[in-house]
Amino acid sequence: MTDSDKNFAVYSFIKDLALQKLSDEQERERNITDQSKNIQAVFSILSVALFTLLPILLEYVADKGKDKILTVVIIIVYAIVFSLLVIAFVCGSYIQIRKPKAGLPDIPTIKNAILKDYNDFSEKSSQIHSFIDTLIPLQKSITKINDANAKLVNISMKFILASVYFMVLFTVLIFEIWVLR
């Protein structure tokens, strides 16, 4: 096997790995975007549930002649829960904003670079080497954006879980108060 054949084999392997990594990052980008859409859906569903239940709770408290303090507590808890959900929604929505990322050079730039260094591109391994170098900024850019967006998904999920835990705790406490009174 000649040195040229060895170089071609090595660069072909690197190219395959580079294309796989780029493909994986693009898939990860789609998955993160899908997760952000799910976060927005959870916000919508929980908001509707909260605002549907709030008047019922307030009316029940008023009809039973319960303390005004309980009414204030209900409103405060709802404000806290809704605030947590809004933070989760904002984080989820920010993910969907298109961030600038590196791209491949346009065709005239590629053509001019190749023609300028014509002899450097005469071997297939040199062509593949150049192709790999062209993909590096794009892959790094997508990875950086994905890492930041993944952190936002995690933050958003923590706020959603906190709001759900808070709702469950509040529901148990209110039930205890109403049953014990």
Protein backbone atom coordinates (compact mmCIF):
# COMPACT_ATOMS: atom_id res chain seq x y z
CA MET A 1 0.00 0.00 0.00
CA THR A 2 1.47 3.37 -1.01
CA ASP A 3 1.65 6.38 1.27
CA SER A 4 -1.04 8.03 -0.84
CA ASP A 5 -3.36 5.04 -0.32
CA LYS A 6 -2.67 5.08 3.43
CA ASN A 7 -3.41 8.80 3.64
CA PHE A 8 -6.60 8.33 1.66
CA ALA A 9 -7.71 5.50 3.97
CA VAL A 10 -6.97 7.48 7.13
CA TYR A 11 -8.62 10.67 5.91
CA SER A 12 -11.64 8.73 4.64
CA PHE A 13 -12.06 7.24 8.11
CA ILE A 14 -11.71 10.67 9.76
CA LYS A 15 -14.22 12.09 7.28
CA ASP A 16 -16.74 9.37 8.12
CA LEU A 17 -16.34 10.06 11.84
CA ALA A 18 -16.63 13.82 11.28
CA LEU A 19 -19.82 13.43 9.26
CA GLN A 20 -21.26 11.12 11.94
CA LYS A 21 -20.43 13.65 14.68
CA LEU A 22 -22.03 16.43 12.67
CA SER A 23 -25.11 14.30 12.07
CA ASP A 24 -25.32 13.45 15.78
CA GLU A 25 -25.14 17.12 16.76
CA GLN A 26 -27.86 18.01 14.25
CA GLU A 27 -30.07 15.26 15.68
CA ARG A 28 -29.33 16.51 19.19
CA GLU A 29 -30.35 20.01 18.06
CA ARG A 30 -33.70 18.65 16.81
CA ASN A 31 -34.27 16.73 20.05
CA ILE A 32 -33.57 19.78 22.20
CA THR A 33 -35.97 21.84 20.09
CA ASP A 34 -38.63 19.13 20.54
CA GLN A 35 -38.04 19.20 24.30
CA SER A 36 -38.54 22.96 24.34
CA LYS A 37 -41.86 22.51 22.52
CA ASN A 38 -42.89 19.98 25.14
CA ILE A 39 -41.98 22.45 27.88
CA GLN A 40 -44.23 25.02 26.24
CA ALA A 41 -47.05 22.48 26.07
CA VAL A 42 -46.65 21.63 29.77
CA PHE A 43 -46.77 25.34 30.58
CA SER A 44 -50.00 25.71 28.62
CA ILE A 45 -51.67 22.68 30.19
CA LEU A 46 -50.68 23.54 33.75
CA SER A 47 -51.63 27.20 33.30
CA VAL A 48 -55.09 26.27 32.07
CA ALA A 49 -55.48 23.84 34.98
CA LEU A 50 -54.34 26.43 37.51
CA PHE A 51 -56.56 29.20 36.23
CA THR A 52 -59.53 26.86 35.93
CA LEU A 53 -59.15 25.68 39.49
CA LEU A 54 -58.42 29.07 41.08
CA PRO A 55 -61.97 30.51 40.87
CA ILE A 56 -63.40 27.21 42.12
CA LEU A 57 -61.10 27.25 45.15
CA LEU A 58 -61.78 30.90 45.91
CA GLU A 59 -65.53 30.39 45.61
CA TYR A 60 -65.41 27.32 47.86
CA VAL A 61 -63.40 29.22 50.48
CA ALA A 62 -65.85 32.13 50.33
CA ASP A 63 -68.94 29.86 50.51
CA LYS A 64 -67.64 27.94 53.51
CA GLY A 65 -66.82 31.14 55.36
CA LYS A 66 -63.19 30.13 55.67
CA ASP A 67 -60.58 32.58 56.83
CA LYS A 68 -59.55 35.46 54.61
CA ILE A 69 -56.00 34.32 55.35
CA LEU A 70 -56.68 31.10 53.45
CA THR A 71 -57.79 33.14 50.43
CA VAL A 72 -54.58 35.15 50.56
CA VAL A 73 -52.52 31.96 50.96
CA ILE A 74 -54.21 30.43 47.91
CA ILE A 75 -53.48 33.51 45.81
CA ILE A 76 -49.85 33.65 46.97
CA VAL A 77 -49.31 29.96 46.25
CA TYR A 78 -50.85 30.36 42.81
CA ALA A 79 -48.59 33.34 42.13
CA ILE A 80 -45.51 31.35 43.16
CA VAL A 81 -46.49 28.30 41.10
CA PHE A 82 -47.33 30.40 38.06
CA SER A 83 -44.05 32.33 38.41
CA LEU A 84 -42.12 29.06 38.41
CA LEU A 85 -44.00 27.98 35.29
CA VAL A 86 -43.34 31.29 33.56
CA ILE A 87 -39.59 30.94 34.20
CA ALA A 88 -39.73 27.42 32.71
CA PHE A 89 -41.68 28.75 29.73
CA VAL A 90 -39.22 31.57 29.10
CA CYS A 91 -36.26 29.16 29.21
CA GLY A 92 -38.08 26.77 26.85
CA SER A 93 -38.98 29.58 24.48
CA TYR A 94 -35.45 30.98 24.42
CA ILE A 95 -34.24 27.63 23.08
CA GLN A 96 -36.35 28.11 19.98
CA ILE A 97 -34.68 31.39 19.07
CA ARG A 98 -32.33 30.70 16.19
CA LYS A 99 -28.80 31.47 17.31
CA PRO A 100 -26.11 32.33 14.79
CA LYS A 101 -23.86 29.42 14.01
CA ALA A 102 -20.97 28.87 11.69
CA GLY A 103 -21.76 27.68 8.22
CA LEU A 104 -19.98 26.21 5.28
CA PRO A 105 -18.36 28.69 2.92
CA ASP A 106 -20.38 29.65 -0.11
CA ILE A 107 -19.63 28.02 -3.43
CA PRO A 108 -17.61 30.86 -5.00
CA THR A 109 -15.34 30.94 -1.92
CA ILE A 110 -14.81 27.18 -2.11
CA LYS A 111 -14.15 27.32 -5.85
CA ASN A 112 -11.64 30.17 -5.53
CA ALA A 113 -9.78 28.46 -2.65
CA ILE A 114 -9.48 25.23 -4.61
CA LEU A 115 -8.39 26.90 -7.82
CA LYS A 116 -5.89 29.09 -5.97
CA ASP A 117 -4.20 26.03 -4.46
CA TYR A 118 -4.95 23.69 -7.35
CA ASN A 119 -1.94 21.44 -6.76
CA ASP A 120 -2.85 20.95 -3.08
CA PHE A 121 -6.19 19.44 -4.10
CA SER A 122 -4.89 17.04 -6.74
CA GLU A 123 -4.85 14.08 -4.34
CA LYS A 124 -8.03 12.65 -2.90
CA SER A 125 -6.58 12.61 0.65
CA SER A 126 -5.89 16.36 0.43
CA GLN A 127 -9.46 16.95 -0.70
CA ILE A 128 -10.82 14.98 2.22
CA HIS A 129 -8.46 16.77 4.62
CA SER A 130 -9.78 20.11 3.40
CA PHE A 131 -13.37 18.89 3.66
CA ILE A 132 -12.81 17.88 7.29
CA ASP A 133 -11.24 21.26 8.09
CA THR A 134 -14.29 22.94 6.56
CA LEU A 135 -16.67 20.97 8.82
CA ILE A 136 -14.84 21.69 12.09
CA PRO A 137 -16.18 25.25 12.73
CA LEU A 138 -19.74 24.17 11.89
CA GLN A 139 -19.64 21.19 14.23
CA LYS A 140 -18.08 23.20 17.07
CA SER A 141 -20.66 25.93 16.64
CA ILE A 142 -23.60 23.53 16.74
CA THR A 143 -22.14 21.73 19.78
CA LYS A 144 -21.72 25.01 21.67
CA ILE A 145 -25.32 26.04 20.97
CA ASN A 146 -26.61 22.58 21.87
CA ASP A 147 -24.73 22.57 25.17
CA ALA A 148 -26.21 25.95 26.13
CA ASN A 149 -29.71 24.88 25.09
CA ALA A 150 -29.42 21.59 26.99
CA LYS A 151 -28.64 23.59 30.14
CA LEU A 152 -31.77 25.68 29.52
CA VAL A 153 -33.84 22.51 29.15
CA ASN A 154 -32.49 21.25 32.47
CA ILE A 155 -33.24 24.57 34.19
CA SER A 156 -36.70 24.63 32.69
CA MET A 157 -37.44 21.08 33.82
CA LYS A 158 -36.30 21.90 37.36
CA PHE A 159 -38.70 24.85 37.50
CA ILE A 160 -41.56 22.72 36.16
CA LEU A 161 -40.83 20.03 38.74
CA ALA A 162 -40.62 22.65 41.49
CA SER A 163 -44.01 24.03 40.48
CA VAL A 164 -45.55 20.55 40.41
CA TYR A 165 -44.06 19.67 43.81
CA PHE A 166 -45.28 22.98 45.18
CA MET A 167 -48.79 22.31 43.81
CA VAL A 168 -48.87 18.82 45.32
CA LEU A 169 -47.63 20.07 48.68
CA PHE A 170 -50.15 22.89 48.66
CA THR A 171 -52.97 20.53 47.69
CA VAL A 172 -52.12 18.16 50.53
CA LEU A 173 -51.92 21.02 53.03
CA ILE A 174 -55.20 22.56 51.90
CA PHE A 175 -56.90 19.15 52.05
CA GLU A 176 -55.55 18.63 55.56
CA ILE A 177 -56.84 22.05 56.64
CA TRP A 178 -60.26 21.55 55.10
CA VAL A 179 -60.68 18.01 56.46
CA LEU A 180 -59.43 18.91 59.93
CA ARG A 181 -61.65 22.01 60.26
